[in-house]
Structure formats: structure tokens, C-alpha cells
Amino acid sequence: MYTFSWNNTPFGRVLLASDGTALTGFWFEGQKYFGAGLPPEREEGAHPVFTLARQWLEKYAAGENPPLNVPLAPQGPPFRQAVWQYLRTIPYGTTQTYGEVAAALARECGRYVSPRAVGGAVAHNPISVFIPCHRVVGAGGKLTGYAGGLDRKRFLLRLEGALR
């Protein structure tokens, strides 16, 4: 059974979701694709993974780079899974362009990967912040699309020192 919990964070109100084992969702209230993939059979409640997530978020919001001790299980097709896995390798306080992410994935899989396809996968990331899609920027470092809103993306990048 999926469990969900509303939480207030320094980044705004968020919805956490779990499959009973791992965090499967972290959505900002009102964000694009809010709750995508969350099954209709779910109940509101507490879960140990939510406690871990809140503790991690508190440290992150305080400007720390805490080790990720929250089990994550984003749901999606294989290409999106590959993109989300790659996003987890982008270091704290740095950014990469959609083109750089696409080129890195192309090297891994041995075939062309479209930056636009990467953008689509990034936009559908169901576990924002924990899977740091905010670290992906447009060509030349331009701040472009973020399902949680550009103001929030700017805030997160400033928090990490990746944006002045």
C-alpha cells in the first residue's frame, strides 16, 4: 500500500509518497506533473522513510550537503530511470546542461541521446531535490524549466552555492 504525507518545508508545502519501502515521490504543491505515478490506492500516514526524508531536508535546507540515506524508488520507464540515476551523480553545488547530460548518457549507452529527451525525463522526475534535477540548466548556464518553478530552482541553486 502506498502511503503519503503532506509536509511543510523551507521550500514550500510538499507531498511525500512511499511504496512501503522507499521514497517514491516528493512533489512541491502545485508543481507541474504533481503526483504523477501516485496510484489511487493510497492512504495518508506516517512512515519511517518520511522521517528520514524530513531529517535530510532539514540538513539540506540549512546549507549542508548531507549524505543521502533515504532509500529512493522512482517509478518510470527505462530511459527516465537512466536519466534520474545520472542526475544523482551531479555533485552538490554544480550544474550541468541538458546537452552535457545527454552526451554523458550517450557515452554510457553507445547511441545518440537527445537533450530534449533528457529535458522531458528531468521534468518528470518524481523525487525532486533528492534526485537533483534542479542542477540541470540550459545552454550557457541559462535557468530553464523546472517543474517546481524557476524561483524555487534559483533558490535551490543559491542554497548550494551554484548560483550567485
N, C-alpha and C. Protein backbone atom coordinates (compact mmCIF):
# COMPACT_ATOMS: atom_id res chain seq x y z
N MET A 1 0.84 -1.18 0.00
CA MET A 1 0.00 0.00 0.00
C MET A 1 0.89 1.24 0.00
N TYR A 2 0.56 2.16 -0.85
CA TYR A 2 1.27 3.44 -0.90
C TYR A 2 0.78 4.34 0.23
N THR A 3 1.72 5.04 0.82
CA THR A 3 1.41 5.98 1.89
C THR A 3 1.90 7.35 1.45
N PHE A 4 1.17 8.39 1.85
CA PHE A 4 1.61 9.74 1.53
C PHE A 4 1.49 10.61 2.77
N SER A 5 2.22 11.73 2.74
CA SER A 5 2.22 12.65 3.87
C SER A 5 2.51 14.06 3.35
N TRP A 6 1.66 15.01 3.76
CA TRP A 6 1.92 16.42 3.46
C TRP A 6 2.88 16.97 4.50
N ASN A 7 3.82 17.81 4.05
CA ASN A 7 4.82 18.37 4.94
C ASN A 7 5.12 19.81 4.56
N ASN A 8 5.38 20.64 5.56
CA ASN A 8 5.85 22.00 5.31
C ASN A 8 7.36 21.99 5.39
N THR A 9 8.00 22.58 4.38
CA THR A 9 9.45 22.63 4.32
C THR A 9 9.88 24.06 4.03
N PRO A 10 11.17 24.36 4.16
CA PRO A 10 11.66 25.70 3.78
C PRO A 10 11.44 26.00 2.29
N PHE A 11 11.12 24.96 1.51
CA PHE A 11 10.92 25.12 0.07
C PHE A 11 9.44 25.21 -0.28
N GLY A 12 8.58 25.16 0.72
CA GLY A 12 7.13 25.18 0.50
C GLY A 12 6.51 23.86 0.93
N ARG A 13 5.21 23.78 0.75
CA ARG A 13 4.47 22.58 1.12
C ARG A 13 4.75 21.49 0.09
N VAL A 14 5.02 20.28 0.59
CA VAL A 14 5.36 19.17 -0.29
C VAL A 14 4.57 17.92 0.09
N LEU A 15 4.44 17.05 -0.89
CA LEU A 15 3.82 15.76 -0.68
C LEU A 15 4.89 14.70 -0.82
N LEU A 16 5.02 13.87 0.21
CA LEU A 16 5.94 12.73 0.20
C LEU A 16 5.12 11.48 -0.05
N ALA A 17 5.66 10.52 -0.80
CA ALA A 17 4.99 9.25 -1.05
C ALA A 17 5.97 8.11 -0.89
N SER A 18 5.45 6.97 -0.42
CA SER A 18 6.28 5.78 -0.23
C SER A 18 5.51 4.54 -0.66
N ASP A 19 6.25 3.56 -1.16
CA ASP A 19 5.67 2.28 -1.53
C ASP A 19 5.73 1.29 -0.37
N GLY A 20 6.12 1.78 0.80
CA GLY A 20 6.26 0.91 1.98
C GLY A 20 7.70 0.54 2.26
N THR A 21 8.57 0.82 1.29
CA THR A 21 9.98 0.51 1.44
C THR A 21 10.86 1.73 1.22
N ALA A 22 10.52 2.54 0.22
CA ALA A 22 11.37 3.65 -0.19
C ALA A 22 10.51 4.88 -0.50
N LEU A 23 11.19 6.00 -0.66
CA LEU A 23 10.53 7.22 -1.10
C LEU A 23 10.29 7.11 -2.60
N THR A 24 9.04 7.26 -3.02
CA THR A 24 8.70 7.16 -4.43
C THR A 24 8.25 8.50 -5.00
N GLY A 25 8.00 9.46 -4.12
CA GLY A 25 7.55 10.76 -4.60
C GLY A 25 7.86 11.88 -3.64
N PHE A 26 8.21 13.03 -4.22
CA PHE A 26 8.43 14.28 -3.50
C PHE A 26 8.03 15.37 -4.47
N TRP A 27 6.84 15.94 -4.24
CA TRP A 27 6.33 16.96 -5.14
C TRP A 27 6.03 18.23 -4.38
N PHE A 28 6.40 19.35 -4.96
CA PHE A 28 6.02 20.65 -4.43
C PHE A 28 4.54 20.86 -4.74
N GLU A 29 3.81 21.40 -3.79
CA GLU A 29 2.40 21.66 -4.02
C GLU A 29 2.24 22.53 -5.26
N GLY A 30 1.42 22.09 -6.19
CA GLY A 30 1.15 22.85 -7.39
C GLY A 30 2.16 22.70 -8.51
N GLN A 31 3.18 21.89 -8.33
CA GLN A 31 4.18 21.77 -9.38
C GLN A 31 3.60 21.04 -10.59
N LYS A 32 4.26 21.22 -11.71
CA LYS A 32 3.87 20.51 -12.92
C LYS A 32 4.07 19.02 -12.68
N TYR A 33 3.16 18.21 -13.17
CA TYR A 33 3.18 16.75 -13.02
C TYR A 33 3.02 16.32 -11.56
N PHE A 34 2.37 17.16 -10.76
CA PHE A 34 2.17 16.87 -9.35
C PHE A 34 1.51 15.51 -9.17
N GLY A 35 2.12 14.67 -8.35
CA GLY A 35 1.56 13.37 -8.01
C GLY A 35 1.58 12.35 -9.13
N ALA A 36 2.26 12.64 -10.23
CA ALA A 36 2.30 11.71 -11.36
C ALA A 36 2.88 10.37 -10.90
N GLY A 37 2.17 9.32 -11.19
CA GLY A 37 2.63 7.98 -10.82
C GLY A 37 2.14 7.53 -9.46
N LEU A 38 1.50 8.41 -8.72
CA LEU A 38 0.97 8.02 -7.41
C LEU A 38 -0.33 7.26 -7.64
N PRO A 39 -0.38 5.98 -7.23
CA PRO A 39 -1.59 5.19 -7.50
C PRO A 39 -2.79 5.68 -6.70
N PRO A 40 -3.99 5.43 -7.20
CA PRO A 40 -5.18 5.86 -6.48
C PRO A 40 -5.36 5.13 -5.15
N GLU A 41 -4.82 3.92 -5.04
CA GLU A 41 -4.92 3.16 -3.80
C GLU A 41 -3.78 3.60 -2.88
N ARG A 42 -4.09 4.53 -2.00
CA ARG A 42 -3.07 5.07 -1.10
C ARG A 42 -3.77 5.59 0.14
N GLU A 43 -2.98 5.75 1.17
CA GLU A 43 -3.53 6.29 2.42
C GLU A 43 -2.56 7.27 3.03
N GLU A 44 -3.10 8.25 3.71
CA GLU A 44 -2.25 9.22 4.40
C GLU A 44 -1.77 8.60 5.70
N GLY A 45 -0.50 8.82 6.03
CA GLY A 45 0.01 8.28 7.27
C GLY A 45 1.49 8.53 7.44
N ALA A 46 1.99 8.01 8.53
CA ALA A 46 3.41 8.13 8.86
C ALA A 46 4.16 6.93 8.28
N HIS A 47 5.43 7.14 8.03
CA HIS A 47 6.28 6.05 7.57
C HIS A 47 7.72 6.42 7.93
N PRO A 48 8.53 5.45 8.33
CA PRO A 48 9.93 5.75 8.69
C PRO A 48 10.71 6.46 7.58
N VAL A 49 10.41 6.16 6.32
CA VAL A 49 11.14 6.83 5.23
C VAL A 49 10.80 8.32 5.20
N PHE A 50 9.60 8.70 5.64
CA PHE A 50 9.25 10.12 5.70
C PHE A 50 10.08 10.83 6.77
N THR A 51 10.31 10.15 7.88
CA THR A 51 11.15 10.73 8.93
C THR A 51 12.57 10.95 8.40
N LEU A 52 13.12 9.95 7.72
CA LEU A 52 14.46 10.11 7.12
C LEU A 52 14.48 11.26 6.12
N ALA A 53 13.44 11.34 5.30
CA ALA A 53 13.37 12.40 4.29
C ALA A 53 13.33 13.78 4.94
N ARG A 54 12.51 13.93 5.97
CA ARG A 54 12.41 15.23 6.65
C ARG A 54 13.74 15.61 7.32
N GLN A 55 14.41 14.63 7.92
CA GLN A 55 15.71 14.91 8.55
C GLN A 55 16.73 15.34 7.51
N TRP A 56 16.73 14.65 6.38
CA TRP A 56 17.67 15.01 5.31
C TRP A 56 17.36 16.41 4.80
N LEU A 57 16.08 16.72 4.58
CA LEU A 57 15.68 18.04 4.08
C LEU A 57 16.07 19.15 5.05
N GLU A 58 15.95 18.91 6.34
CA GLU A 58 16.33 19.93 7.33
C GLU A 58 17.81 20.27 7.21
N LYS A 59 18.65 19.24 7.07
CA LYS A 59 20.09 19.47 6.92
C LYS A 59 20.39 20.18 5.60
N TYR A 60 19.74 19.71 4.54
CA TYR A 60 19.95 20.32 3.23
C TYR A 60 19.54 21.79 3.24
N ALA A 61 18.39 22.08 3.83
CA ALA A 61 17.89 23.46 3.89
C ALA A 61 18.78 24.35 4.72
N ALA A 62 19.55 23.76 5.65
CA ALA A 62 20.49 24.51 6.47
C ALA A 62 21.80 24.77 5.74
N GLY A 63 21.87 24.36 4.48
CA GLY A 63 23.07 24.60 3.69
C GLY A 63 24.09 23.49 3.75
N GLU A 64 23.73 22.39 4.36
CA GLU A 64 24.63 21.23 4.41
C GLU A 64 24.47 20.39 3.15
N ASN A 65 25.45 19.53 2.93
CA ASN A 65 25.38 18.55 1.85
C ASN A 65 25.35 17.17 2.51
N PRO A 66 24.20 16.82 3.10
CA PRO A 66 24.15 15.56 3.85
C PRO A 66 24.21 14.35 2.92
N PRO A 67 24.83 13.26 3.37
CA PRO A 67 24.81 12.04 2.56
C PRO A 67 23.36 11.57 2.42
N LEU A 68 23.03 11.07 1.27
CA LEU A 68 21.66 10.63 1.04
C LEU A 68 21.45 9.26 1.67
N ASN A 69 20.72 9.25 2.77
CA ASN A 69 20.43 8.00 3.48
C ASN A 69 18.97 7.60 3.33
N VAL A 70 18.28 8.23 2.40
CA VAL A 70 16.87 7.96 2.15
C VAL A 70 16.78 7.00 0.97
N PRO A 71 16.18 5.82 1.16
CA PRO A 71 16.03 4.92 0.01
C PRO A 71 15.05 5.52 -1.00
N LEU A 72 15.44 5.52 -2.26
CA LEU A 72 14.64 6.11 -3.33
C LEU A 72 14.21 5.03 -4.32
N ALA A 73 12.98 5.13 -4.80
CA ALA A 73 12.48 4.19 -5.80
C ALA A 73 11.55 4.92 -6.77
N PRO A 74 12.13 5.78 -7.62
CA PRO A 74 11.29 6.48 -8.60
C PRO A 74 10.72 5.48 -9.60
N GLN A 75 9.48 5.70 -9.98
CA GLN A 75 8.81 4.82 -10.94
C GLN A 75 8.75 5.49 -12.29
N GLY A 76 9.17 4.76 -13.32
CA GLY A 76 9.13 5.31 -14.67
C GLY A 76 9.78 4.38 -15.65
N PRO A 77 9.66 4.70 -16.94
CA PRO A 77 10.25 3.85 -17.98
C PRO A 77 11.79 3.88 -17.93
N PRO A 78 12.41 2.91 -18.59
CA PRO A 78 13.88 2.76 -18.51
C PRO A 78 14.68 4.01 -18.85
N PHE A 79 14.29 4.75 -19.90
CA PHE A 79 15.08 5.94 -20.25
C PHE A 79 15.03 6.96 -19.12
N ARG A 80 13.87 7.21 -18.58
CA ARG A 80 13.75 8.16 -17.48
C ARG A 80 14.55 7.66 -16.28
N GLN A 81 14.50 6.37 -16.01
CA GLN A 81 15.27 5.80 -14.90
C GLN A 81 16.76 6.09 -15.09
N ALA A 82 17.24 5.93 -16.33
CA ALA A 82 18.66 6.18 -16.61
C ALA A 82 19.01 7.65 -16.37
N VAL A 83 18.13 8.55 -16.80
CA VAL A 83 18.38 9.98 -16.59
C VAL A 83 18.38 10.28 -15.10
N TRP A 84 17.38 9.79 -14.37
CA TRP A 84 17.29 10.07 -12.93
C TRP A 84 18.49 9.51 -12.18
N GLN A 85 18.96 8.34 -12.61
CA GLN A 85 20.16 7.77 -11.97
C GLN A 85 21.36 8.66 -12.24
N TYR A 86 21.48 9.16 -13.46
CA TYR A 86 22.59 10.04 -13.79
C TYR A 86 22.52 11.34 -12.97
N LEU A 87 21.32 11.90 -12.82
CA LEU A 87 21.19 13.16 -12.06
C LEU A 87 21.78 13.03 -10.66
N ARG A 88 21.69 11.85 -10.10
CA ARG A 88 22.21 11.63 -8.74
C ARG A 88 23.74 11.72 -8.69
N THR A 89 24.40 11.71 -9.85
CA THR A 89 25.86 11.81 -9.88
C THR A 89 26.34 13.25 -10.04
N ILE A 90 25.43 14.18 -10.32
CA ILE A 90 25.84 15.58 -10.47
C ILE A 90 26.16 16.12 -9.07
N PRO A 91 27.39 16.53 -8.84
CA PRO A 91 27.80 16.94 -7.49
C PRO A 91 27.04 18.16 -6.96
N TYR A 92 26.86 18.16 -5.67
CA TYR A 92 26.28 19.29 -4.94
C TYR A 92 27.04 20.56 -5.31
N GLY A 93 26.33 21.64 -5.54
CA GLY A 93 26.97 22.92 -5.82
C GLY A 93 27.44 23.09 -7.25
N THR A 94 27.08 22.16 -8.13
CA THR A 94 27.47 22.28 -9.54
C THR A 94 26.23 22.13 -10.41
N THR A 95 26.39 22.50 -11.65
CA THR A 95 25.32 22.33 -12.63
C THR A 95 25.89 21.67 -13.88
N GLN A 96 25.01 21.08 -14.65
CA GLN A 96 25.34 20.57 -15.97
C GLN A 96 24.21 20.97 -16.90
N THR A 97 24.54 21.13 -18.16
CA THR A 97 23.50 21.47 -19.13
C THR A 97 22.79 20.20 -19.60
N TYR A 98 21.62 20.40 -20.18
CA TYR A 98 20.89 19.26 -20.76
C TYR A 98 21.77 18.56 -21.79
N GLY A 99 22.51 19.35 -22.57
CA GLY A 99 23.41 18.78 -23.57
C GLY A 99 24.52 17.95 -22.95
N GLU A 100 25.08 18.42 -21.84
CA GLU A 100 26.13 17.64 -21.16
C GLU A 100 25.58 16.34 -20.60
N VAL A 101 24.38 16.39 -20.04
CA VAL A 101 23.76 15.17 -19.52
C VAL A 101 23.51 14.20 -20.68
N ALA A 102 22.98 14.72 -21.79
CA ALA A 102 22.70 13.87 -22.96
C ALA A 102 23.99 13.23 -23.48
N ALA A 103 25.07 14.01 -23.55
CA ALA A 103 26.34 13.47 -24.04
C ALA A 103 26.88 12.39 -23.11
N ALA A 104 26.77 12.59 -21.80
CA ALA A 104 27.23 11.58 -20.85
C ALA A 104 26.42 10.30 -20.98
N LEU A 105 25.11 10.43 -21.12
CA LEU A 105 24.27 9.24 -21.28
C LEU A 105 24.57 8.55 -22.60
N ALA A 106 24.85 9.32 -23.64
CA ALA A 106 25.19 8.74 -24.94
C ALA A 106 26.48 7.91 -24.84
N ARG A 107 27.44 8.42 -24.09
CA ARG A 107 28.69 7.66 -23.90
C ARG A 107 28.40 6.36 -23.16
N GLU A 108 27.50 6.39 -22.18
CA GLU A 108 27.17 5.19 -21.41
C GLU A 108 26.43 4.14 -22.24
N CYS A 109 25.52 4.59 -23.10
CA CYS A 109 24.69 3.62 -23.83
C CYS A 109 25.16 3.37 -25.27
N GLY A 110 26.12 4.17 -25.74
CA GLY A 110 26.67 3.95 -27.08
C GLY A 110 25.78 4.39 -28.22
N ARG A 111 24.83 5.28 -27.95
CA ARG A 111 23.98 5.81 -29.01
C ARG A 111 23.61 7.25 -28.69
N TYR A 112 23.16 7.97 -29.71
CA TYR A 112 22.78 9.37 -29.53
C TYR A 112 21.64 9.50 -28.53
N VAL A 113 21.74 10.51 -27.66
CA VAL A 113 20.67 10.84 -26.73
C VAL A 113 20.35 12.31 -26.93
N SER A 114 19.11 12.59 -27.14
CA SER A 114 18.65 13.96 -27.40
C SER A 114 18.57 14.77 -26.12
N PRO A 115 19.14 15.99 -26.12
CA PRO A 115 18.98 16.86 -24.95
C PRO A 115 17.50 17.14 -24.65
N ARG A 116 16.68 17.19 -25.68
CA ARG A 116 15.25 17.41 -25.48
C ARG A 116 14.62 16.23 -24.73
N ALA A 117 15.04 15.02 -25.06
CA ALA A 117 14.54 13.82 -24.36
C ALA A 117 14.99 13.85 -22.91
N VAL A 118 16.22 14.29 -22.68
CA VAL A 118 16.72 14.44 -21.31
C VAL A 118 15.83 15.44 -20.56
N GLY A 119 15.50 16.55 -21.22
CA GLY A 119 14.64 17.55 -20.61
C GLY A 119 13.29 17.00 -20.19
N GLY A 120 12.73 16.15 -21.04
CA GLY A 120 11.45 15.52 -20.71
C GLY A 120 11.55 14.63 -19.49
N ALA A 121 12.63 13.86 -19.41
CA ALA A 121 12.83 12.97 -18.26
C ALA A 121 13.07 13.78 -16.99
N VAL A 122 13.86 14.84 -17.11
CA VAL A 122 14.14 15.71 -15.96
C VAL A 122 12.84 16.32 -15.45
N ALA A 123 12.00 16.78 -16.35
CA ALA A 123 10.74 17.42 -15.96
C ALA A 123 9.80 16.45 -15.23
N HIS A 124 9.90 15.17 -15.53
CA HIS A 124 9.02 14.17 -14.92
C HIS A 124 9.65 13.47 -13.71
N ASN A 125 10.74 14.01 -13.20
CA ASN A 125 11.39 13.46 -12.02
C ASN A 125 10.39 13.46 -10.86
N PRO A 126 10.04 12.29 -10.32
CA PRO A 126 9.04 12.25 -9.25
C PRO A 126 9.60 12.50 -7.86
N ILE A 127 10.91 12.66 -7.74
CA ILE A 127 11.51 12.84 -6.41
C ILE A 127 12.46 14.04 -6.46
N SER A 128 11.87 15.22 -6.71
CA SER A 128 12.66 16.45 -6.78
C SER A 128 13.53 16.62 -5.55
N VAL A 129 14.58 17.36 -5.68
CA VAL A 129 15.58 17.70 -4.67
C VAL A 129 16.41 16.48 -4.31
N PHE A 130 15.80 15.37 -3.92
CA PHE A 130 16.56 14.15 -3.59
C PHE A 130 17.26 13.62 -4.85
N ILE A 131 16.56 13.66 -5.96
CA ILE A 131 17.17 13.42 -7.28
C ILE A 131 17.29 14.82 -7.87
N PRO A 132 18.50 15.39 -7.85
CA PRO A 132 18.69 16.83 -8.05
C PRO A 132 18.53 17.35 -9.48
N CYS A 133 17.31 17.33 -9.97
CA CYS A 133 17.05 17.83 -11.32
C CYS A 133 17.24 19.34 -11.41
N HIS A 134 17.23 20.02 -10.27
CA HIS A 134 17.45 21.48 -10.29
C HIS A 134 18.88 21.83 -10.74
N ARG A 135 19.77 20.86 -10.74
CA ARG A 135 21.17 21.10 -11.14
C ARG A 135 21.36 21.06 -12.65
N VAL A 136 20.30 20.81 -13.39
CA VAL A 136 20.39 20.78 -14.85
C VAL A 136 19.88 22.12 -15.39
N VAL A 137 20.72 22.75 -16.20
CA VAL A 137 20.43 24.08 -16.73
C VAL A 137 20.52 24.06 -18.25
N GLY A 138 20.06 25.14 -18.85
CA GLY A 138 20.12 25.27 -20.30
C GLY A 138 21.52 25.61 -20.78
N ALA A 139 21.66 25.66 -22.08
CA ALA A 139 22.94 26.01 -22.69
C ALA A 139 23.44 27.34 -22.14
N GLY A 140 24.73 27.41 -21.89
CA GLY A 140 25.33 28.62 -21.37
C GLY A 140 24.97 28.90 -19.91
N GLY A 141 24.41 27.91 -19.23
CA GLY A 141 24.06 28.09 -17.82
C GLY A 141 22.73 28.77 -17.59
N LYS A 142 21.96 28.95 -18.67
CA LYS A 142 20.67 29.65 -18.55
C LYS A 142 19.70 28.81 -17.71
N LEU A 143 19.01 29.49 -16.78
CA LEU A 143 18.00 28.81 -15.98
C LEU A 143 16.77 28.59 -16.84
N THR A 144 16.46 27.34 -17.05
CA THR A 144 15.30 26.98 -17.85
C THR A 144 14.45 26.01 -17.05
N GLY A 145 13.29 25.73 -17.54
CA GLY A 145 12.28 24.88 -16.94
C GLY A 145 12.63 24.12 -15.68
N TYR A 146 11.71 24.18 -14.75
CA TYR A 146 11.78 23.39 -13.53
C TYR A 146 10.34 23.15 -13.11
N ALA A 147 9.96 21.90 -12.96
CA ALA A 147 8.57 21.58 -12.65
C ALA A 147 8.10 22.27 -11.37
N GLY A 148 9.03 22.53 -10.46
CA GLY A 148 8.69 23.20 -9.21
C GLY A 148 8.72 24.72 -9.31
N GLY A 149 9.04 25.25 -10.50
CA GLY A 149 9.08 26.69 -10.71
C GLY A 149 10.50 27.23 -10.71
N LEU A 150 10.76 28.20 -11.57
CA LEU A 150 12.12 28.75 -11.69
C LEU A 150 12.58 29.46 -10.42
N ASP A 151 11.67 30.10 -9.69
CA ASP A 151 12.08 30.74 -8.43
C ASP A 151 12.61 29.71 -7.45
N ARG A 152 11.97 28.56 -7.39
CA ARG A 152 12.43 27.51 -6.49
C ARG A 152 13.77 26.93 -6.98
N LYS A 153 13.92 26.77 -8.28
CA LYS A 153 15.18 26.28 -8.84
C LYS A 153 16.30 27.24 -8.48
N ARG A 154 16.05 28.52 -8.67
CA ARG A 154 17.04 29.55 -8.33
C ARG A 154 17.40 29.46 -6.84
N PHE A 155 16.40 29.32 -5.98
CA PHE A 155 16.62 29.20 -4.54
C PHE A 155 17.51 28.00 -4.21
N LEU A 156 17.20 26.85 -4.80
CA LEU A 156 17.97 25.63 -4.52
C LEU A 156 19.42 25.77 -5.00
N LEU A 157 19.61 26.34 -6.18
CA LEU A 157 20.98 26.51 -6.69
C LEU A 157 21.76 27.52 -5.85
N ARG A 158 21.11 28.57 -5.38
CA ARG A 158 21.78 29.52 -4.50
C ARG A 158 22.14 28.87 -3.17
N LEU A 159 21.23 28.08 -2.64
CA LEU A 159 21.48 27.36 -1.39
C LEU A 159 22.75 26.52 -1.50
N GLU A 160 22.94 25.89 -2.66
CA GLU A 160 24.11 25.04 -2.87
C GLU A 160 25.35 25.83 -3.29
N GLY A 161 25.20 27.12 -3.54
CA GLY A 161 26.33 27.93 -3.97
C GLY A 161 26.65 27.78 -5.45
N ALA A 162 25.72 27.22 -6.20
CA ALA A 162 25.93 27.03 -7.64
C ALA A 162 25.48 28.22 -8.45
N LEU A 163 24.85 29.18 -7.79
CA LEU A 163 24.32 30.35 -8.46
C LEU A 163 24.53 31.55 -7.55
N ARG A 164 25.02 32.61 -8.09
CA ARG A 164 25.25 33.81 -7.30
C ARG A 164 24.18 34.81 -7.54
